[in-house]
Amino acid sequence: MRVSVAICTWNRSALLDRALAGLEELAIPPGVEWEVLVVNNDCSDATDDVVAHYAGRLPLHRLFEPKRGLSHARNAAVLAARSDLILWMDDDVLVDPVWLGEYVAAARQWPDSAFFGGTVVPWFETPPPAWVTANWPLLSHVFAAREFTGSGAEVDSQFMPYGANYAVRTDVQRRYLYDPNLGRIGETLRSCEEIVAIQQMLADGHRGRIIPTASVRHFIPDRRVTLEYICRWFFTMGQTNEAHDAAHVPPLNTAWKLALKSWFALNAIYAQACYWVARRMAGPESWLWAATHASYCWGRLARRGPTEAGDDAWQASP
């Protein structure tokens, strides 16, 4: 079996260095030929130096995608892959030594499955504050946590892998490229390009499996463990869903559009008011839901999308 490990990166050379070092520890099963595709998505840092450092240590190929955006970078990797199976990982993860082998075994065990998803364990730079752990059901998605049980369970719309760690058969992946309207661009937090592609696969009758033992650790720097970042994430998720609906959902008539926007506006105002009141009376377990819900609703209502420099988000303030 031929395997491509694909990493898309933008200006995170230090994290990429650590991710590539982790790949040196992989146990490669007998009969497997593998390659590592690193897509430089118009980087301006030391990314090329890092790639050159590992060129003689890994079966590595450097690709360059000048159109900035994660979806563009993913599509470049798909078109360049010379393999039977593409394994996707982020540039800020460390793979388990058996990661590749577990996906290869799954692809062999379930030849009728088109894609596979693995475990993503958050790896915090420092232990997260108590208000994060107390609100983990709400915040786990912000930190891309995916912890599964039951090897081989089938994927459905409520049980999806995340982009930091999943695998797709290459012939299937080439029929489901990534939507450039979704996915991160520069410093923005827009996402869900992989979720939409997987949903399309499921809608067309393809099957997927969960492989809990195909595990990675996902680095979470301290700057992401803040109320400001979390509200930005929810705001951009609102924008992401708005962009998805505009591209993939049949358009509503004027009356329904007005009703939907009014619903989001009322929810945003109500949640923001709840946040301001609760913030002065109780701890985050009481008001975090309001801050994040207001941010999401304002994101749905935003008239313009995020720029590469960041997101134009409402921020909860102390």
Foldseek 3Di string as FASTA:
>chain_A
DEEEEEEEDAAPQVLLLVQVVLVLLADDDPPYHYEYEYEYACHDDCNVVSQVVCVVPGNYDYHYHPHFFPLSRQLVCLVPDDGFKYKFAYSNKRWDNCQVVLVVVVCVVCVQAFKEAEFEAEDEPDDADPLCVVCVVVCVVVRQGQADDDFFDKDDLVRDHDRRTMMGGSVLDNVQGFDRLAGAGAAEQGHCRVVVSVVVCVVVPHIYTYGHVSYMYGYDYPVCSDQQNLLSNLLNPLLNVLSCCVVPPPDDDPVVVVVVLVVLVVLLVVLLVQLVVVVVPDDCVRNVVSSSSNFNSVSNVDPDAQDNVYGPTDGDDD
